[in-house]
Amino acid sequence: MSATFAENPNTATSLTFSPDGRLLALGSEDKTARLLDLTMIRQRAVLQGHSAKVSEVAFSPDNQLLATAGEDNTVRLWNATTGQEQNRLAGHEAGVQGVAFAPDGRLLASASSDMTVRLWETATWRTLTVLRGHTSEVNRVAFSPDGKLLATTSADSTIRLWDVASRRELSLLRGHAGGTYAITFSPDGKRLASS
């Protein structure tokens, strides 16, 4: 079965399935995100609030929230059932490029063009720490399956691995000739792929 949801798919910047596979979230250059209901094959909600491009979208592990990374320097949290905005996280000094929830849902990481990564505590939405080390915009973040590591990619052509508990950098990975814009861990956490 196939279905087409977006009026203009050329504006899509990111997409992700909810952990239960019932929803698809789509980030867009038109400053919105869309929640698509895959069980009924229809658009559930258009999420409006960002004042610039939505760079990435991420569901919480419990399917309750959708995080959106905005070029307007904010992360927004939305109810994944109703599409209502729940919170707006400010603190980055430039556009937010990437977001990812920790596997246990207790942390949210956000990557920014301000060359930092912020770790937010989801119980209070406070910034726990700001990770610094990249020398250009940070594009994406990914937690390892066990939640112990955080990988960050950057336009500085490096990948950095961070220990989540101590919030310290563990490794600096080089090898790309240009910026890195995508990263993922294997399901067993033993491998890391980047592009």
N, C-alpha and C. Protein backbone atom coordinates (compact mmCIF):
# COMPACT_ATOMS: atom_id res chain seq x y z
N MET A 1 0.84 -1.17 0.00
CA MET A 1 0.00 0.00 0.00
C MET A 1 0.88 1.24 0.00
N SER A 2 0.49 2.25 -0.73
CA SER A 2 1.21 3.52 -0.71
C SER A 2 0.19 4.64 -0.59
N ALA A 3 0.69 5.77 -0.06
CA ALA A 3 -0.17 6.94 0.10
C ALA A 3 0.69 8.19 -0.01
N THR A 4 0.11 9.27 -0.48
CA THR A 4 0.79 10.55 -0.57
C THR A 4 0.07 11.52 0.36
N PHE A 5 0.85 12.17 1.25
CA PHE A 5 0.26 13.06 2.23
C PHE A 5 0.58 14.52 1.97
N ALA A 6 1.84 14.82 1.69
CA ALA A 6 2.28 16.22 1.63
C ALA A 6 1.84 16.88 0.33
N GLU A 7 1.40 18.12 0.45
CA GLU A 7 1.02 18.88 -0.74
C GLU A 7 2.25 19.20 -1.58
N ASN A 8 3.37 19.49 -0.92
CA ASN A 8 4.61 19.77 -1.64
C ASN A 8 5.75 19.02 -0.96
N PRO A 9 5.99 17.77 -1.37
CA PRO A 9 7.02 16.97 -0.71
C PRO A 9 8.43 17.52 -0.89
N ASN A 10 8.63 18.45 -1.81
CA ASN A 10 9.96 19.01 -2.02
C ASN A 10 10.41 19.88 -0.85
N THR A 11 9.50 20.29 0.01
CA THR A 11 9.88 21.12 1.15
C THR A 11 10.23 20.29 2.39
N ALA A 12 10.12 18.99 2.31
CA ALA A 12 10.39 18.12 3.47
C ALA A 12 11.87 18.18 3.84
N THR A 13 12.14 18.28 5.14
CA THR A 13 13.51 18.30 5.64
C THR A 13 13.85 17.05 6.42
N SER A 14 12.86 16.41 7.03
CA SER A 14 13.11 15.20 7.82
C SER A 14 11.80 14.46 8.03
N LEU A 15 11.91 13.19 8.33
CA LEU A 15 10.73 12.42 8.68
C LEU A 15 11.13 11.27 9.57
N THR A 16 10.19 10.83 10.40
CA THR A 16 10.46 9.72 11.31
C THR A 16 9.15 9.05 11.70
N PHE A 17 9.23 7.74 11.90
CA PHE A 17 8.08 6.98 12.40
C PHE A 17 8.04 7.08 13.92
N SER A 18 6.83 7.05 14.48
CA SER A 18 6.69 6.93 15.93
C SER A 18 7.15 5.54 16.35
N PRO A 19 7.56 5.36 17.60
CA PRO A 19 8.03 4.05 18.04
C PRO A 19 7.02 2.92 17.83
N ASP A 20 5.72 3.23 17.91
CA ASP A 20 4.71 2.18 17.70
C ASP A 20 4.34 2.01 16.23
N GLY A 21 4.91 2.84 15.35
CA GLY A 21 4.69 2.70 13.92
C GLY A 21 3.36 3.21 13.40
N ARG A 22 2.58 3.87 14.25
CA ARG A 22 1.26 4.34 13.84
C ARG A 22 1.25 5.75 13.27
N LEU A 23 2.30 6.51 13.56
CA LEU A 23 2.38 7.89 13.09
C LEU A 23 3.66 8.11 12.30
N LEU A 24 3.59 9.06 11.40
CA LEU A 24 4.77 9.54 10.69
C LEU A 24 4.80 11.04 10.90
N ALA A 25 5.95 11.57 11.32
CA ALA A 25 6.12 13.01 11.47
C ALA A 25 7.03 13.51 10.37
N LEU A 26 6.68 14.68 9.85
CA LEU A 26 7.40 15.26 8.73
C LEU A 26 7.75 16.70 9.08
N GLY A 27 9.03 17.04 9.03
CA GLY A 27 9.46 18.43 9.21
C GLY A 27 9.57 19.09 7.85
N SER A 28 9.41 20.41 7.80
CA SER A 28 9.33 21.07 6.51
C SER A 28 9.99 22.45 6.49
N GLU A 29 10.40 22.84 5.29
CA GLU A 29 10.94 24.19 5.09
C GLU A 29 9.87 25.26 5.25
N ASP A 30 8.59 24.87 5.22
CA ASP A 30 7.51 25.87 5.32
C ASP A 30 7.19 26.25 6.77
N LYS A 31 8.11 25.93 7.70
CA LYS A 31 8.02 26.31 9.12
C LYS A 31 7.03 25.45 9.90
N THR A 32 6.57 24.35 9.33
CA THR A 32 5.62 23.48 10.01
C THR A 32 6.18 22.07 10.13
N ALA A 33 5.49 21.29 10.96
CA ALA A 33 5.67 19.84 10.98
C ALA A 33 4.29 19.24 10.81
N ARG A 34 4.23 18.04 10.29
CA ARG A 34 2.95 17.38 10.08
C ARG A 34 2.95 16.04 10.79
N LEU A 35 1.82 15.72 11.40
CA LEU A 35 1.61 14.41 11.99
C LEU A 35 0.67 13.64 11.06
N LEU A 36 1.13 12.51 10.58
CA LEU A 36 0.36 11.70 9.65
C LEU A 36 -0.04 10.41 10.33
N ASP A 37 -1.33 10.11 10.32
CA ASP A 37 -1.87 8.90 10.94
C ASP A 37 -1.81 7.78 9.90
N LEU A 38 -0.99 6.78 10.15
CA LEU A 38 -0.80 5.70 9.19
C LEU A 38 -1.87 4.62 9.29
N THR A 39 -2.59 4.57 10.41
CA THR A 39 -3.65 3.57 10.54
C THR A 39 -4.88 3.98 9.75
N MET A 40 -5.13 5.28 9.67
CA MET A 40 -6.30 5.77 8.93
C MET A 40 -5.91 6.42 7.60
N ILE A 41 -4.61 6.46 7.31
CA ILE A 41 -4.08 7.07 6.09
C ILE A 41 -4.63 8.49 5.90
N ARG A 42 -4.34 9.33 6.90
CA ARG A 42 -4.77 10.72 6.80
C ARG A 42 -3.83 11.61 7.60
N GLN A 43 -3.87 12.88 7.30
CA GLN A 43 -3.10 13.85 8.07
C GLN A 43 -3.83 14.13 9.37
N ARG A 44 -3.13 13.98 10.49
CA ARG A 44 -3.75 14.22 11.78
C ARG A 44 -3.66 15.68 12.20
N ALA A 45 -2.50 16.31 11.98
CA ALA A 45 -2.34 17.70 12.42
C ALA A 45 -1.20 18.37 11.67
N VAL A 46 -1.34 19.68 11.49
CA VAL A 46 -0.25 20.52 11.01
C VAL A 46 0.22 21.34 12.22
N LEU A 47 1.48 21.20 12.57
CA LEU A 47 2.02 21.85 13.77
C LEU A 47 2.66 23.17 13.37
N GLN A 48 2.03 24.26 13.79
CA GLN A 48 2.48 25.60 13.45
C GLN A 48 2.93 26.33 14.69
N GLY A 49 4.04 27.03 14.60
CA GLY A 49 4.57 27.77 15.73
C GLY A 49 5.98 28.26 15.48
N HIS A 50 6.76 27.46 14.75
CA HIS A 50 8.11 27.90 14.41
C HIS A 50 8.03 29.07 13.43
N SER A 51 9.01 29.95 13.51
CA SER A 51 9.05 31.09 12.59
C SER A 51 10.11 30.90 11.50
N ALA A 52 10.67 29.70 11.43
CA ALA A 52 11.65 29.36 10.39
C ALA A 52 11.58 27.86 10.15
N LYS A 53 12.37 27.38 9.22
CA LYS A 53 12.38 25.97 8.81
C LYS A 53 12.45 25.01 9.99
N VAL A 54 11.72 23.91 9.91
CA VAL A 54 11.83 22.81 10.87
C VAL A 54 12.86 21.84 10.32
N SER A 55 13.99 21.72 11.01
CA SER A 55 15.13 20.94 10.50
C SER A 55 15.02 19.45 10.77
N GLU A 56 14.47 19.08 11.92
CA GLU A 56 14.37 17.66 12.27
C GLU A 56 13.22 17.45 13.23
N VAL A 57 12.69 16.23 13.23
CA VAL A 57 11.60 15.84 14.12
C VAL A 57 11.98 14.54 14.82
N ALA A 58 11.52 14.37 16.07
CA ALA A 58 11.82 13.16 16.84
C ALA A 58 10.70 12.86 17.82
N PHE A 59 10.26 11.62 17.85
CA PHE A 59 9.25 11.17 18.82
C PHE A 59 9.91 10.76 20.12
N SER A 60 9.21 10.98 21.23
CA SER A 60 9.65 10.43 22.51
C SER A 60 9.43 8.91 22.49
N PRO A 61 10.20 8.15 23.28
CA PRO A 61 10.07 6.69 23.26
C PRO A 61 8.68 6.19 23.64
N ASP A 62 7.92 6.97 24.42
CA ASP A 62 6.58 6.53 24.84
C ASP A 62 5.48 6.98 23.87
N ASN A 63 5.85 7.54 22.72
CA ASN A 63 4.89 7.99 21.70
C ASN A 63 4.07 9.21 22.10
N GLN A 64 4.35 9.83 23.23
CA GLN A 64 3.52 10.92 23.72
C GLN A 64 3.87 12.28 23.15
N LEU A 65 5.15 12.50 22.84
CA LEU A 65 5.61 13.82 22.41
C LEU A 65 6.33 13.75 21.07
N LEU A 66 6.26 14.85 20.35
CA LEU A 66 7.08 15.05 19.17
C LEU A 66 7.91 16.29 19.41
N ALA A 67 9.22 16.18 19.24
CA ALA A 67 10.12 17.33 19.33
C ALA A 67 10.44 17.81 17.93
N THR A 68 10.44 19.12 17.74
CA THR A 68 10.81 19.71 16.45
C THR A 68 11.97 20.68 16.65
N ALA A 69 12.98 20.57 15.79
CA ALA A 69 14.14 21.45 15.81
C ALA A 69 13.91 22.56 14.80
N GLY A 70 14.00 23.82 15.24
CA GLY A 70 13.69 24.93 14.36
C GLY A 70 14.87 25.84 14.09
N GLU A 71 14.92 26.36 12.87
CA GLU A 71 15.93 27.36 12.52
C GLU A 71 15.68 28.68 13.26
N ASP A 72 14.58 28.77 14.00
CA ASP A 72 14.28 29.96 14.81
C ASP A 72 14.92 29.89 16.19
N ASN A 73 15.92 29.00 16.36
CA ASN A 73 16.71 28.85 17.59
C ASN A 73 15.95 28.12 18.70
N THR A 74 14.82 27.50 18.40
CA THR A 74 14.04 26.84 19.45
C THR A 74 13.81 25.36 19.13
N VAL A 75 13.51 24.65 20.20
CA VAL A 75 12.96 23.29 20.12
C VAL A 75 11.54 23.40 20.65
N ARG A 76 10.62 22.79 19.95
CA ARG A 76 9.23 22.80 20.42
C ARG A 76 8.79 21.37 20.67
N LEU A 77 7.96 21.22 21.70
CA LEU A 77 7.41 19.92 22.08
C LEU A 77 5.92 19.94 21.84
N TRP A 78 5.42 18.90 21.18
CA TRP A 78 4.02 18.81 20.78
C TRP A 78 3.41 17.52 21.30
N ASN A 79 2.14 17.58 21.67
CA ASN A 79 1.41 16.37 22.01
C ASN A 79 1.23 15.57 20.73
N ALA A 80 1.71 14.34 20.71
CA ALA A 80 1.69 13.54 19.48
C ALA A 80 0.29 13.03 19.14
N THR A 81 -0.64 13.12 20.06
CA THR A 81 -2.01 12.70 19.79
C THR A 81 -2.84 13.86 19.24
N THR A 82 -2.74 15.02 19.90
CA THR A 82 -3.59 16.15 19.52
C THR A 82 -2.89 17.16 18.61
N GLY A 83 -1.57 17.17 18.62
CA GLY A 83 -0.83 18.17 17.86
C GLY A 83 -0.70 19.51 18.57
N GLN A 84 -1.14 19.58 19.82
CA GLN A 84 -1.06 20.83 20.58
C GLN A 84 0.36 21.05 21.09
N GLU A 85 0.83 22.31 21.00
CA GLU A 85 2.15 22.63 21.52
C GLU A 85 2.15 22.54 23.04
N GLN A 86 3.16 21.85 23.59
CA GLN A 86 3.28 21.65 25.03
C GLN A 86 4.35 22.54 25.67
N ASN A 87 5.40 22.81 24.91
CA ASN A 87 6.51 23.57 25.49
C ASN A 87 7.39 24.12 24.38
N ARG A 88 8.11 25.18 24.70
CA ARG A 88 9.09 25.77 23.79
C ARG A 88 10.39 25.92 24.55
N LEU A 89 11.45 25.31 24.02
CA LEU A 89 12.75 25.34 24.68
C LEU A 89 13.65 26.34 23.98
N ALA A 90 14.09 27.34 24.72
CA ALA A 90 14.98 28.37 24.18
C ALA A 90 16.30 28.32 24.92
N GLY A 91 17.34 28.76 24.27
CA GLY A 91 18.67 28.77 24.88
C GLY A 91 19.77 28.75 23.83
N HIS A 92 19.50 28.11 22.70
CA HIS A 92 20.48 28.13 21.62
C HIS A 92 20.54 29.54 21.02
N GLU A 93 21.72 29.91 20.55
CA GLU A 93 21.92 31.24 19.98
C GLU A 93 21.87 31.25 18.46
N ALA A 94 21.58 30.11 17.87
CA ALA A 94 21.43 30.01 16.41
C ALA A 94 20.48 28.85 16.14
N GLY A 95 20.20 28.61 14.87
CA GLY A 95 19.21 27.61 14.50
C GLY A 95 19.49 26.23 15.06
N VAL A 96 18.43 25.54 15.46
CA VAL A 96 18.55 24.17 15.96
C VAL A 96 18.44 23.24 14.75
N GLN A 97 19.43 22.37 14.60
CA GLN A 97 19.54 21.50 13.44
C GLN A 97 19.05 20.08 13.70
N GLY A 98 19.18 19.61 14.93
CA GLY A 98 18.83 18.22 15.22
C GLY A 98 18.31 18.04 16.63
N VAL A 99 17.48 17.00 16.81
CA VAL A 99 16.96 16.64 18.13
C VAL A 99 16.88 15.12 18.23
N ALA A 100 17.06 14.62 19.45
CA ALA A 100 16.92 13.18 19.70
C ALA A 100 16.60 12.96 21.17
N PHE A 101 15.66 12.05 21.43
CA PHE A 101 15.36 11.63 22.79
C PHE A 101 16.27 10.47 23.18
N ALA A 102 16.66 10.43 24.45
CA ALA A 102 17.37 9.26 24.97
C ALA A 102 16.40 8.08 24.97
N PRO A 103 16.90 6.85 24.89
CA PRO A 103 16.02 5.68 24.85
C PRO A 103 15.07 5.56 26.04
N ASP A 104 15.47 6.06 27.22
CA ASP A 104 14.58 6.00 28.38
C ASP A 104 13.66 7.21 28.48
N GLY A 105 13.80 8.17 27.56
CA GLY A 105 12.93 9.34 27.53
C GLY A 105 13.26 10.41 28.55
N ARG A 106 14.32 10.25 29.32
CA ARG A 106 14.62 11.21 30.38
C ARG A 106 15.40 12.43 29.91
N LEU A 107 16.02 12.31 28.74
CA LEU A 107 16.81 13.41 28.19
C LEU A 107 16.40 13.68 26.75
N LEU A 108 16.58 14.92 26.36
CA LEU A 108 16.45 15.32 24.96
C LEU A 108 17.73 16.06 24.61
N ALA A 109 18.34 15.71 23.49
CA ALA A 109 19.53 16.41 23.02
C ALA A 109 19.15 17.27 21.83
N SER A 110 19.71 18.47 21.77
CA SER A 110 19.48 19.36 20.63
C SER A 110 20.82 19.87 20.11
N ALA A 111 20.96 19.86 18.78
CA ALA A 111 22.18 20.30 18.11
C ALA A 111 21.92 21.61 17.42
N SER A 112 22.91 22.51 17.45
CA SER A 112 22.66 23.86 16.93
C SER A 112 23.80 24.40 16.08
N SER A 113 23.44 25.36 15.24
CA SER A 113 24.43 26.11 14.47
C SER A 113 25.31 26.97 15.36
N ASP A 114 24.96 27.12 16.65
CA ASP A 114 25.81 27.87 17.57
C ASP A 114 27.00 27.04 18.07
N MET A 115 27.22 25.85 17.45
CA MET A 115 28.34 24.95 17.73
C MET A 115 28.21 24.21 19.05
N THR A 116 26.99 24.16 19.61
CA THR A 116 26.79 23.47 20.88
C THR A 116 25.70 22.40 20.76
N VAL A 117 25.70 21.54 21.76
CA VAL A 117 24.63 20.56 21.98
C VAL A 117 24.12 20.79 23.38
N ARG A 118 22.81 20.86 23.52
CA ARG A 118 22.21 21.00 24.85
C ARG A 118 21.54 19.69 25.24
N LEU A 119 21.70 19.32 26.49
CA LEU A 119 20.97 18.20 27.06
C LEU A 119 19.90 18.76 27.97
N TRP A 120 18.65 18.41 27.66
CA TRP A 120 17.50 18.89 28.42
C TRP A 120 16.94 17.74 29.24
N GLU A 121 16.59 18.01 30.48
CA GLU A 121 15.93 17.03 31.35
C GLU A 121 14.43 17.10 31.04
N THR A 122 13.86 15.98 30.61
CA THR A 122 12.47 16.02 30.16
C THR A 122 11.45 16.16 31.30
N ALA A 123 11.84 15.87 32.53
CA ALA A 123 10.90 16.02 33.64
C ALA A 123 10.62 17.50 33.93
N THR A 124 11.63 18.36 33.71
CA THR A 124 11.49 19.79 34.02
C THR A 124 11.73 20.69 32.81
N TRP A 125 12.30 20.15 31.75
CA TRP A 125 12.71 20.86 30.54
C TRP A 125 13.79 21.91 30.83
N ARG A 126 14.58 21.66 31.88
CA ARG A 126 15.74 22.50 32.17
C ARG A 126 16.93 22.01 31.36
N THR A 127 17.83 22.93 31.01
CA THR A 127 19.10 22.54 30.40
C THR A 127 19.98 21.95 31.49
N LEU A 128 20.40 20.69 31.31
CA LEU A 128 21.31 20.06 32.26
C LEU A 128 22.75 20.45 31.99
N THR A 129 23.10 20.53 30.72
CA THR A 129 24.46 20.89 30.36
C THR A 129 24.51 21.35 28.92
N VAL A 130 25.56 22.06 28.59
CA VAL A 130 25.84 22.47 27.21
C VAL A 130 27.17 21.83 26.82
N LEU A 131 27.15 21.01 25.78
CA LEU A 131 28.36 20.33 25.31
C LEU A 131 29.02 21.19 24.25
N ARG A 132 30.32 21.48 24.47
CA ARG A 132 31.09 22.31 23.55
C ARG A 132 32.32 21.55 23.08
N GLY A 133 32.72 21.81 21.86
CA GLY A 133 33.92 21.17 21.31
C GLY A 133 33.97 21.28 19.81
N HIS A 134 32.83 21.20 19.15
CA HIS A 134 32.80 21.36 17.70
C HIS A 134 33.18 22.79 17.33
N THR A 135 33.79 22.94 16.16
CA THR A 135 34.25 24.26 15.72
C THR A 135 33.40 24.84 14.59
N SER A 136 32.28 24.18 14.30
CA SER A 136 31.31 24.68 13.33
C SER A 136 29.94 24.17 13.76
N GLU A 137 28.91 24.45 12.97
CA GLU A 137 27.56 24.07 13.35
C GLU A 137 27.45 22.57 13.63
N VAL A 138 26.67 22.24 14.63
CA VAL A 138 26.39 20.84 14.96
C VAL A 138 25.08 20.48 14.26
N ASN A 139 25.12 19.41 13.47
CA ASN A 139 23.99 19.08 12.61
C ASN A 139 23.02 18.05 13.16
N ARG A 140 23.53 17.00 13.77
CA ARG A 140 22.66 15.93 14.25
C ARG A 140 23.22 15.35 15.53
N VAL A 141 22.31 14.71 16.26
CA VAL A 141 22.66 14.02 17.50
C VAL A 141 21.99 12.65 17.50
N ALA A 142 22.64 11.67 18.13
CA ALA A 142 22.07 10.32 18.23
C ALA A 142 22.54 9.67 19.52
N PHE A 143 21.59 9.11 20.27
CA PHE A 143 21.92 8.35 21.46
C PHE A 143 22.18 6.89 21.08
N SER A 144 23.09 6.25 21.79
CA SER A 144 23.28 4.81 21.62
C SER A 144 22.05 4.10 22.16
N PRO A 145 21.79 2.86 21.74
CA PRO A 145 20.60 2.14 22.20
C PRO A 145 20.50 2.00 23.72
N ASP A 146 21.64 1.93 24.41
CA ASP A 146 21.60 1.83 25.88
C ASP A 146 21.56 3.20 26.55
N GLY A 147 21.64 4.26 25.77
CA GLY A 147 21.57 5.62 26.31
C GLY A 147 22.82 6.12 26.98
N LYS A 148 23.90 5.34 26.92
CA LYS A 148 25.13 5.74 27.61
C LYS A 148 26.00 6.69 26.80
N LEU A 149 25.85 6.66 25.48
CA LEU A 149 26.66 7.50 24.60
C LEU A 149 25.78 8.44 23.79
N LEU A 150 26.35 9.58 23.45
CA LEU A 150 25.71 10.51 22.54
C LEU A 150 26.72 10.81 21.44
N ALA A 151 26.31 10.65 20.19
CA ALA A 151 27.15 11.00 19.04
C ALA A 151 26.66 12.30 18.45
N THR A 152 27.58 13.17 18.06
CA THR A 152 27.23 14.45 17.45
C THR A 152 28.00 14.62 16.14
N THR A 153 27.33 15.17 15.13
CA THR A 153 27.95 15.42 13.84
C THR A 153 28.03 16.92 13.60
N SER A 154 29.00 17.31 12.78
CA SER A 154 29.21 18.74 12.59
C SER A 154 29.70 19.07 11.19
N ALA A 155 29.51 20.32 10.81
CA ALA A 155 30.07 20.83 9.56
C ALA A 155 31.59 20.94 9.65
N ASP A 156 32.17 20.73 10.85
CA ASP A 156 33.63 20.75 10.99
C ASP A 156 34.28 19.43 10.57
N SER A 157 33.48 18.53 9.96
CA SER A 157 33.95 17.24 9.44
C SER A 157 34.28 16.21 10.51
N THR A 158 33.86 16.44 11.73
CA THR A 158 34.14 15.48 12.80
C THR A 158 32.86 14.94 13.42
N ILE A 159 33.04 13.83 14.10
CA ILE A 159 32.01 13.24 14.94
C ILE A 159 32.61 13.16 16.34
N ARG A 160 31.82 13.52 17.31
CA ARG A 160 32.29 13.41 18.69
C ARG A 160 31.38 12.46 19.45
N LEU A 161 32.00 11.64 20.29
CA LEU A 161 31.26 10.73 21.16
C LEU A 161 31.38 11.24 22.58
N TRP A 162 30.24 11.32 23.26
CA TRP A 162 30.16 11.86 24.61
C TRP A 162 29.62 10.81 25.55
N ASP A 163 30.16 10.79 26.77
CA ASP A 163 29.60 9.97 27.84
C ASP A 163 28.43 10.75 28.44
N VAL A 164 27.24 10.17 28.39
CA VAL A 164 26.05 10.91 28.82
C VAL A 164 26.06 11.17 30.32
N ALA A 165 26.50 10.18 31.12
CA ALA A 165 26.47 10.34 32.58
C ALA A 165 27.42 11.43 33.05
N SER A 166 28.66 11.41 32.55
CA SER A 166 29.66 12.39 33.00
C SER A 166 29.63 13.66 32.14
N ARG A 167 28.97 13.57 30.97
CA ARG A 167 28.89 14.69 30.02
C ARG A 167 30.26 15.12 29.51
N ARG A 168 31.15 14.13 29.37
CA ARG A 168 32.49 14.39 28.87
C ARG A 168 32.69 13.77 27.50
N GLU A 169 33.54 14.43 26.72
CA GLU A 169 33.87 13.88 25.41
C GLU A 169 34.76 12.67 25.56
N LEU A 170 34.40 11.58 24.88
CA LEU A 170 35.19 10.35 24.93
C LEU A 170 36.08 10.18 23.71
N SER A 171 35.57 10.55 22.54
CA SER A 171 36.32 10.33 21.30
C SER A 171 36.02 11.42 20.29
N LEU A 172 37.04 11.70 19.49
CA LEU A 172 36.91 12.60 18.34
C LEU A 172 37.20 11.76 17.11
N LEU A 173 36.20 11.60 16.25
CA LEU A 173 36.34 10.75 15.07
C LEU A 173 36.51 11.61 13.83
N ARG A 174 37.54 11.30 13.05
CA ARG A 174 37.82 12.03 11.82
C ARG A 174 37.79 11.06 10.65
N GLY A 175 37.68 11.60 9.46
CA GLY A 175 37.70 10.76 8.27
C GLY A 175 36.87 11.34 7.15
N HIS A 176 35.88 12.12 7.48
CA HIS A 176 35.07 12.77 6.44
C HIS A 176 35.84 13.95 5.85
N ALA A 177 35.68 14.16 4.55
CA ALA A 177 36.33 15.29 3.88
C ALA A 177 35.50 16.55 3.98
N GLY A 178 34.23 16.40 4.32
CA GLY A 178 33.34 17.54 4.46
C GLY A 178 32.49 17.37 5.70
N GLY A 179 31.50 18.23 5.83
CA GLY A 179 30.62 18.18 6.99
C GLY A 179 29.84 16.87 7.07
N THR A 180 29.48 16.49 8.28
CA THR A 180 28.68 15.29 8.50
C THR A 180 27.27 15.70 8.87
N TYR A 181 26.29 15.07 8.24
CA TYR A 181 24.90 15.52 8.37
C TYR A 181 23.93 14.42 8.80
N ALA A 182 24.41 13.20 8.95
CA ALA A 182 23.54 12.11 9.39
C ALA A 182 24.37 11.13 10.21
N ILE A 183 23.72 10.54 11.22
CA ILE A 183 24.43 9.60 12.08
C ILE A 183 23.42 8.65 12.73
N THR A 184 23.82 7.40 12.89
CA THR A 184 22.95 6.44 13.57
C THR A 184 23.78 5.32 14.16
N PHE A 185 23.32 4.79 15.28
CA PHE A 185 23.93 3.62 15.90
C PHE A 185 23.24 2.37 15.39
N SER A 186 23.98 1.27 15.33
CA SER A 186 23.38 -0.03 15.03
C SER A 186 22.52 -0.44 16.23
N PRO A 187 21.54 -1.33 16.04
CA PRO A 187 20.67 -1.72 17.16
C PRO A 187 21.41 -2.29 18.37
N ASP A 188 22.57 -2.94 18.16
CA ASP A 188 23.31 -3.48 19.29
C ASP A 188 24.28 -2.45 19.89
N GLY A 189 24.36 -1.26 19.29
CA GLY A 189 25.21 -0.20 19.82
C GLY A 189 26.69 -0.35 19.55
N LYS A 190 27.08 -1.36 18.78
CA LYS A 190 28.51 -1.62 18.55
C LYS A 190 29.07 -0.88 17.35
N ARG A 191 28.19 -0.37 16.49
CA ARG A 191 28.66 0.33 15.31
C ARG A 191 27.96 1.68 15.20
N LEU A 192 28.65 2.59 14.52
CA LEU A 192 28.13 3.93 14.30
C LEU A 192 28.33 4.25 12.83
N ALA A 193 27.27 4.67 12.16
CA ALA A 193 27.37 5.04 10.74
C ALA A 193 27.13 6.53 10.61
N SER A 194 27.92 7.15 9.72
CA SER A 194 27.77 8.59 9.50
C SER A 194 27.90 8.88 8.02
N SER A 195 27.34 10.00 7.60
CA SER A 195 27.47 10.41 6.20
C SER A 195 27.59 11.92 6.12
